[in-house]
Every structure is written in C-alpha cells, then in structure tokens.
Amino acid sequence: MKNVPAGYDKDHPQAEYLKYKSWYLEYFMTDDEVGNTTAFIEKAVELFRIMKPFNDYLNKALKDFKMPTR
C-alpha cells in the first residue's frame, strides 16, 4: 500500500507498518541444527510457542472474516 489506511494517523511513528499486506516470522537454523532430529523438534516447538501470541494477535483481525462467495 502506498498510503496509511483511512482512520489511522499518517504521522504515527508506526504508521508505515500499516501499509504492509502480509507479515511473517522466520528463524534461521544451521544445517547441523536441522540435521539433528531430536534437537530440531525441540527447537521447533520452542519457536512455535514463542510465535503463537504474535500469530493469535494477527488472527484477531480475521475473526469475523468470511470469504466472498462466487
């Protein structure tokens, strides 16, 4: 988006973030970390637990969203 959505202060310090159309989280892992199955699963569970509150927050916006029917 080129502009801050209507209803939001365009001069707010975080207004730029409202222009984004998508969000994602990433975590880089080494080949050794991925190659150790047990350690990888433990790390993945830890990271998913950390990411869950962020994902829940984003999903609140979609709570009542319905896909248009064709």
PDB file of N, CA and C in Angstrom:
ATOM      1  N   MET A   1       0.837  -1.166   0.000  1.00  0.00           N
ATOM      2  CA  MET A   1       0.000   0.000   0.000  1.00  0.00           C
ATOM      3  C   MET A   1       0.885   1.233   0.000  1.00  0.00           C
ATOM      4  N   LYS A   2       0.444   2.246  -0.662  1.00  0.00           N
ATOM      5  CA  LYS A   2       1.219   3.483  -0.714  1.00  0.00           C
ATOM      6  C   LYS A   2       0.865   4.417   0.428  1.00  0.00           C
ATOM      7  N   ASN A   3      -0.366   4.324   0.920  1.00  0.00           N
ATOM      8  CA  ASN A   3      -0.835   5.231   1.967  1.00  0.00           C
ATOM      9  C   ASN A   3      -1.254   4.459   3.211  1.00  0.00           C
ATOM     10  N   VAL A   4      -1.218   5.153   4.327  1.00  0.00           N
ATOM     11  CA  VAL A   4      -1.718   4.585   5.573  1.00  0.00           C
ATOM     12  C   VAL A   4      -3.232   4.429   5.424  1.00  0.00           C
ATOM     13  N   PRO A   5      -3.813   3.297   5.865  1.00  0.00           N
ATOM     14  CA  PRO A   5      -5.257   3.107   5.711  1.00  0.00           C
ATOM     15  C   PRO A   5      -6.062   4.224   6.384  1.00  0.00           C
ATOM     16  N   ALA A   6      -7.236   4.495   5.823  1.00  0.00           N
ATOM     17  CA  ALA A   6      -8.126   5.527   6.361  1.00  0.00           C
ATOM     18  C   ALA A   6      -8.435   5.223   7.824  1.00  0.00           C
ATOM     19  N   GLY A   7      -8.491   6.274   8.622  1.00  0.00           N
ATOM     20  CA  GLY A   7      -8.797   6.124  10.035  1.00  0.00           C
ATOM     21  C   GLY A   7      -7.576   6.024  10.927  1.00  0.00           C
ATOM     22  N   TYR A   8      -6.394   5.961  10.335  1.00  0.00           N
ATOM     23  CA  TYR A   8      -5.157   5.879  11.104  1.00  0.00           C
ATOM     24  C   TYR A   8      -4.326   7.129  10.866  1.00  0.00           C
ATOM     25  N   ASP A   9      -3.677   7.605  11.909  1.00  0.00           N
ATOM     26  CA  ASP A   9      -2.857   8.811  11.845  1.00  0.00           C
ATOM     27  C   ASP A   9      -1.619   8.552  10.982  1.00  0.00           C
ATOM     28  N   LYS A  10      -1.512   9.250   9.863  1.00  0.00           N
ATOM     29  CA  LYS A  10      -0.381   9.040   8.950  1.00  0.00           C
ATOM     30  C   LYS A  10       0.946   9.482   9.554  1.00  0.00           C
ATOM     31  N   ASP A  11       0.909  10.287  10.618  1.00  0.00           N
ATOM     32  CA  ASP A  11       2.134  10.766  11.255  1.00  0.00           C
ATOM     33  C   ASP A  11       2.559   9.915  12.454  1.00  0.00           C
ATOM     34  N   HIS A  12       1.813   8.850  12.741  1.00  0.00           N
ATOM     35  CA  HIS A  12       2.165   7.979  13.866  1.00  0.00           C
ATOM     36  C   HIS A  12       3.499   7.294  13.569  1.00  0.00           C
ATOM     37  N   PRO A  13       4.361   7.112  14.568  1.00  0.00           N
ATOM     38  CA  PRO A  13       5.687   6.512  14.325  1.00  0.00           C
ATOM     39  C   PRO A  13       5.634   5.111  13.692  1.00  0.00           C
ATOM     40  N   GLN A  14       4.565   4.353  13.931  1.00  0.00           N
ATOM     41  CA  GLN A  14       4.464   3.006  13.360  1.00  0.00           C
ATOM     42  C   GLN A  14       3.501   2.946  12.173  1.00  0.00           C
ATOM     43  N   ALA A  15       3.114   4.078  11.635  1.00  0.00           N
ATOM     44  CA  ALA A  15       2.154   4.108  10.526  1.00  0.00           C
ATOM     45  C   ALA A  15       2.654   3.323   9.314  1.00  0.00           C
ATOM     46  N   GLU A  16       3.951   3.297   9.083  1.00  0.00           N
ATOM     47  CA  GLU A  16       4.499   2.570   7.937  1.00  0.00           C
ATOM     48  C   GLU A  16       4.129   1.094   7.978  1.00  0.00           C
ATOM     49  N   TYR A  17       4.051   0.522   9.188  1.00  0.00           N
ATOM     50  CA  TYR A  17       3.737  -0.902   9.316  1.00  0.00           C
ATOM     51  C   TYR A  17       2.315  -1.214   8.854  1.00  0.00           C
ATOM     52  N   LEU A  18       1.422  -0.242   8.915  1.00  0.00           N
ATOM     53  CA  LEU A  18       0.048  -0.466   8.479  1.00  0.00           C
ATOM     54  C   LEU A  18      -0.064  -0.594   6.967  1.00  0.00           C
ATOM     55  N   LYS A  19       0.967  -0.219   6.260  1.00  0.00           N
ATOM     56  CA  LYS A  19       0.961  -0.323   4.802  1.00  0.00           C
ATOM     57  C   LYS A  19       1.265  -1.740   4.326  1.00  0.00           C
ATOM     58  N   TYR A  20       1.844  -2.558   5.191  1.00  0.00           N
ATOM     59  CA  TYR A  20       2.221  -3.914   4.797  1.00  0.00           C
ATOM     60  C   TYR A  20       0.986  -4.770   4.571  1.00  0.00           C
ATOM     61  N   LYS A  21       1.035  -5.621   3.557  1.00  0.00           N
ATOM     62  CA  LYS A  21      -0.083  -6.501   3.244  1.00  0.00           C
ATOM     63  C   LYS A  21       0.075  -7.874   3.878  1.00  0.00           C
ATOM     64  N   SER A  22       1.254  -8.211   4.317  1.00  0.00           N
ATOM     65  CA  SER A  22       1.459  -9.511   4.947  1.00  0.00           C
ATOM     66  C   SER A  22       2.593  -9.419   5.966  1.00  0.00           C
ATOM     67  N   TRP A  23       2.573 -10.374   6.877  1.00  0.00           N
ATOM     68  CA  TRP A  23       3.585 -10.456   7.925  1.00  0.00           C
ATOM     69  C   TRP A  23       4.031 -11.913   8.039  1.00  0.00           C
ATOM     70  N   TYR A  24       5.252 -12.115   8.429  1.00  0.00           N
ATOM     71  CA  TYR A  24       5.726 -13.463   8.692  1.00  0.00           C
ATOM     72  C   TYR A  24       6.885 -13.393   9.674  1.00  0.00           C
ATOM     73  N   LEU A  25       7.145 -14.517  10.300  1.00  0.00           N
ATOM     74  CA  LEU A  25       8.282 -14.637  11.209  1.00  0.00           C
ATOM     75  C   LEU A  25       9.207 -15.695  10.639  1.00  0.00           C
ATOM     76  N   GLU A  26      10.484 -15.510  10.830  1.00  0.00           N
ATOM     77  CA  GLU A  26      11.428 -16.516  10.382  1.00  0.00           C
ATOM     78  C   GLU A  26      12.553 -16.645  11.389  1.00  0.00           C
ATOM     79  N   TYR A  27      13.161 -17.804  11.390  1.00  0.00           N
ATOM     80  CA  TYR A  27      14.267 -18.092  12.292  1.00  0.00           C
ATOM     81  C   TYR A  27      15.258 -18.943  11.514  1.00  0.00           C
ATOM     82  N   PHE A  28      16.458 -18.470  11.369  1.00  0.00           N
ATOM     83  CA  PHE A  28      17.466 -19.194  10.605  1.00  0.00           C
ATOM     84  C   PHE A  28      18.120 -20.264  11.469  1.00  0.00           C
ATOM     85  N   MET A  29      18.296 -21.430  10.878  1.00  0.00           N
ATOM     86  CA  MET A  29      18.948 -22.545  11.562  1.00  0.00           C
ATOM     87  C   MET A  29      20.070 -23.080  10.682  1.00  0.00           C
ATOM     88  N   THR A  30      21.090 -23.592  11.324  1.00  0.00           N
ATOM     89  CA  THR A  30      22.209 -24.168  10.584  1.00  0.00           C
ATOM     90  C   THR A  30      21.840 -25.566  10.096  1.00  0.00           C
ATOM     91  N   ASP A  31      22.621 -26.082   9.164  1.00  0.00           N
ATOM     92  CA  ASP A  31      22.409 -27.446   8.681  1.00  0.00           C
ATOM     93  C   ASP A  31      22.542 -28.448   9.821  1.00  0.00           C
ATOM     94  N   ASP A  32      23.486 -28.207  10.728  1.00  0.00           N
ATOM     95  CA  ASP A  32      23.675 -29.110  11.871  1.00  0.00           C
ATOM     96  C   ASP A  32      22.441 -29.123  12.773  1.00  0.00           C
ATOM     97  N   GLU A  33      21.844 -27.948  12.997  1.00  0.00           N
ATOM     98  CA  GLU A  33      20.644 -27.884  13.831  1.00  0.00           C
ATOM     99  C   GLU A  33      19.480 -28.642  13.187  1.00  0.00           C
ATOM    100  N   VAL A  34      19.352 -28.517  11.888  1.00  0.00           N
ATOM    101  CA  VAL A  34      18.265 -29.196  11.177  1.00  0.00           C
ATOM    102  C   VAL A  34      18.542 -30.703  11.085  1.00  0.00           C
ATOM    103  N   GLY A  35      19.795 -31.071  10.991  1.00  0.00           N
ATOM    104  CA  GLY A  35      20.167 -32.476  10.843  1.00  0.00           C
ATOM    105  C   GLY A  35      19.976 -33.317  12.077  1.00  0.00           C
ATOM    106  N   ASN A  36      19.955 -32.706  13.234  1.00  0.00           N
ATOM    107  CA  ASN A  36      19.748 -33.427  14.485  1.00  0.00           C
ATOM    108  C   ASN A  36      18.252 -33.441  14.780  1.00  0.00           C
ATOM    109  N   THR A  37      17.588 -34.541  14.444  1.00  0.00           N
ATOM    110  CA  THR A  37      16.129 -34.614  14.511  1.00  0.00           C
ATOM    111  C   THR A  37      15.580 -34.249  15.882  1.00  0.00           C
ATOM    112  N   THR A  38      16.120 -34.804  16.925  1.00  0.00           N
ATOM    113  CA  THR A  38      15.613 -34.540  18.273  1.00  0.00           C
ATOM    114  C   THR A  38      15.783 -33.075  18.647  1.00  0.00           C
ATOM    115  N   ALA A  39      16.955 -32.535  18.417  1.00  0.00           N
ATOM    116  CA  ALA A  39      17.207 -31.127  18.736  1.00  0.00           C
ATOM    117  C   ALA A  39      16.345 -30.211  17.875  1.00  0.00           C
ATOM    118  N   PHE A  40      16.154 -30.588  16.597  1.00  0.00           N
ATOM    119  CA  PHE A  40      15.328 -29.775  15.707  1.00  0.00           C
ATOM    120  C   PHE A  40      13.884 -29.706  16.201  1.00  0.00           C
ATOM    121  N   ILE A  41      13.321 -30.839  16.570  1.00  0.00           N
ATOM    122  CA  ILE A  41      11.939 -30.862  17.053  1.00  0.00           C
ATOM    123  C   ILE A  41      11.796 -30.029  18.322  1.00  0.00           C
ATOM    124  N   GLU A  42      12.740 -30.166  19.234  1.00  0.00           N
ATOM    125  CA  GLU A  42      12.687 -29.374  20.472  1.00  0.00           C
ATOM    126  C   GLU A  42      12.758 -27.884  20.168  1.00  0.00           C
ATOM    127  N   LYS A  43      13.642 -27.491  19.265  1.00  0.00           N
ATOM    128  CA  LYS A  43      13.782 -26.076  18.900  1.00  0.00           C
ATOM    129  C   LYS A  43      12.531 -25.584  18.181  1.00  0.00           C
ATOM    130  N   ALA A  44      11.976 -26.398  17.287  1.00  0.00           N
ATOM    131  CA  ALA A  44      10.766 -26.006  16.563  1.00  0.00           C
ATOM    132  C   ALA A  44       9.607 -25.774  17.531  1.00  0.00           C
ATOM    133  N   VAL A  45       9.430 -26.654  18.490  1.00  0.00           N
ATOM    134  CA  VAL A  45       8.361 -26.492  19.486  1.00  0.00           C
ATOM    135  C   VAL A  45       8.571 -25.210  20.272  1.00  0.00           C
ATOM    136  N   GLU A  46       9.791 -24.961  20.700  1.00  0.00           N
ATOM    137  CA  GLU A  46      10.108 -23.731  21.437  1.00  0.00           C
ATOM    138  C   GLU A  46       9.768 -22.486  20.605  1.00  0.00           C
ATOM    139  N   LEU A  47      10.171 -22.489  19.339  1.00  0.00           N
ATOM    140  CA  LEU A  47       9.928 -21.327  18.481  1.00  0.00           C
ATOM    141  C   LEU A  47       8.443 -21.131  18.186  1.00  0.00           C
ATOM    142  N   PHE A  48       7.713 -22.215  17.964  1.00  0.00           N
ATOM    143  CA  PHE A  48       6.275 -22.088  17.714  1.00  0.00           C
ATOM    144  C   PHE A  48       5.556 -21.531  18.935  1.00  0.00           C
ATOM    145  N   ARG A  49       5.995 -21.916  20.123  1.00  0.00           N
ATOM    146  CA  ARG A  49       5.390 -21.365  21.352  1.00  0.00           C
ATOM    147  C   ARG A  49       5.669 -19.863  21.467  1.00  0.00           C
ATOM    148  N   ILE A  50       6.847 -19.450  21.076  1.00  0.00           N
ATOM    149  CA  ILE A  50       7.194 -18.031  21.115  1.00  0.00           C
ATOM    150  C   ILE A  50       6.380 -17.251  20.081  1.00  0.00           C
ATOM    151  N   MET A  51       6.174 -17.836  18.903  1.00  0.00           N
ATOM    152  CA  MET A  51       5.471 -17.155  17.820  1.00  0.00           C
ATOM    153  C   MET A  51       3.951 -17.113  18.004  1.00  0.00           C
ATOM    154  N   LYS A  52       3.400 -18.027  18.789  1.00  0.00           N
ATOM    155  CA  LYS A  52       1.945 -18.147  18.895  1.00  0.00           C
ATOM    156  C   LYS A  52       1.244 -16.855  19.297  1.00  0.00           C
ATOM    157  N   PRO A  53       1.696 -16.111  20.299  1.00  0.00           N
ATOM    158  CA  PRO A  53       0.997 -14.867  20.635  1.00  0.00           C
ATOM    159  C   PRO A  53       0.939 -13.877  19.466  1.00  0.00           C
ATOM    160  N   PHE A  54       2.007 -13.791  18.691  1.00  0.00           N
ATOM    161  CA  PHE A  54       2.014 -12.909  17.520  1.00  0.00           C
ATOM    162  C   PHE A  54       0.990 -13.382  16.494  1.00  0.00           C
ATOM    163  N   ASN A  55       0.972 -14.683  16.234  1.00  0.00           N
ATOM    164  CA  ASN A  55       0.017 -15.251  15.285  1.00  0.00           C
ATOM    165  C   ASN A  55      -1.420 -15.046  15.769  1.00  0.00           C
ATOM    166  N   ASP A  56      -1.669 -15.250  17.056  1.00  0.00           N
ATOM    167  CA  ASP A  56      -3.007 -15.029  17.618  1.00  0.00           C
ATOM    168  C   ASP A  56      -3.431 -13.576  17.435  1.00  0.00           C
ATOM    169  N   TYR A  57      -2.515 -12.663  17.673  1.00  0.00           N
ATOM    170  CA  TYR A  57      -2.806 -11.235  17.521  1.00  0.00           C
ATOM    171  C   TYR A  57      -3.221 -10.917  16.081  1.00  0.00           C
ATOM    172  N   LEU A  58      -2.478 -11.433  15.120  1.00  0.00           N
ATOM    173  CA  LEU A  58      -2.812 -11.185  13.718  1.00  0.00           C
ATOM    174  C   LEU A  58      -4.143 -11.826  13.338  1.00  0.00           C
ATOM    175  N   ASN A  59      -4.420 -12.997  13.879  1.00  0.00           N
ATOM    176  CA  ASN A  59      -5.657 -13.692  13.543  1.00  0.00           C
ATOM    177  C   ASN A  59      -6.897 -13.020  14.119  1.00  0.00           C
ATOM    178  N   LYS A  60      -6.733 -12.186  15.144  1.00  0.00           N
ATOM    179  CA  LYS A  60      -7.880 -11.445  15.682  1.00  0.00           C
ATOM    180  C   LYS A  60      -8.544 -10.600  14.599  1.00  0.00           C
ATOM    181  N   ALA A  61      -7.749 -10.066  13.704  1.00  0.00           N
ATOM    182  CA  ALA A  61      -8.281  -9.228  12.633  1.00  0.00           C
ATOM    183  C   ALA A  61      -9.173 -10.029  11.689  1.00  0.00           C
ATOM    184  N   LEU A  62      -8.989 -11.336  11.643  1.00  0.00           N
ATOM    185  CA  LEU A  62      -9.745 -12.180  10.728  1.00  0.00           C
ATOM    186  C   LEU A  62     -10.894 -12.920  11.416  1.00  0.00           C
ATOM    187  N   LYS A  63     -11.123 -12.632  12.672  1.00  0.00           N
ATOM    188  CA  LYS A  63     -12.103 -13.374  13.473  1.00  0.00           C
ATOM    189  C   LYS A  63     -13.457 -13.512  12.770  1.00  0.00           C
ATOM    190  N   ASP A  64     -14.016 -12.447  12.286  1.00  0.00           N
ATOM    191  CA  ASP A  64     -15.333 -12.478  11.661  1.00  0.00           C
ATOM    192  C   ASP A  64     -15.274 -12.417  10.131  1.00  0.00           C
ATOM    193  N   PHE A  65     -14.105 -12.599   9.579  1.00  0.00           N
ATOM    194  CA  PHE A  65     -13.942 -12.519   8.133  1.00  0.00           C
ATOM    195  C   PHE A  65     -14.587 -13.724   7.452  1.00  0.00           C
ATOM    196  N   LYS A  66     -15.300 -13.460   6.388  1.00  0.00           N
ATOM    197  CA  LYS A  66     -15.892 -14.511   5.555  1.00  0.00           C
ATOM    198  C   LYS A  66     -15.428 -14.298   4.123  1.00  0.00           C
ATOM    199  N   MET A  67     -14.946 -15.353   3.500  1.00  0.00           N
ATOM    200  CA  MET A  67     -14.547 -15.261   2.094  1.00  0.00           C
ATOM    201  C   MET A  67     -15.777 -14.972   1.257  1.00  0.00           C
ATOM    202  N   PRO A  68     -15.680 -14.088   0.274  1.00  0.00           N
ATOM    203  CA  PRO A  68     -16.825 -13.824  -0.594  1.00  0.00           C
ATOM    204  C   PRO A  68     -17.196 -15.082  -1.387  1.00  0.00           C
ATOM    205  N   THR A  69     -18.479 -15.289  -1.573  1.00  0.00           N
ATOM    206  CA  THR A  69     -18.921 -16.420  -2.373  1.00  0.00           C
ATOM    207  C   THR A  69     -18.943 -16.033  -3.835  1.00  0.00           C
ATOM    208  N   ARG A  70     -18.715 -16.994  -4.673  1.00  0.00           N
ATOM    209  CA  ARG A  70     -18.706 -16.717  -6.118  1.00  0.00           C
ATOM    210  C   ARG A  70     -19.959 -17.226  -6.751  1.00  0.00           C
TER     211      ARG A  70
END
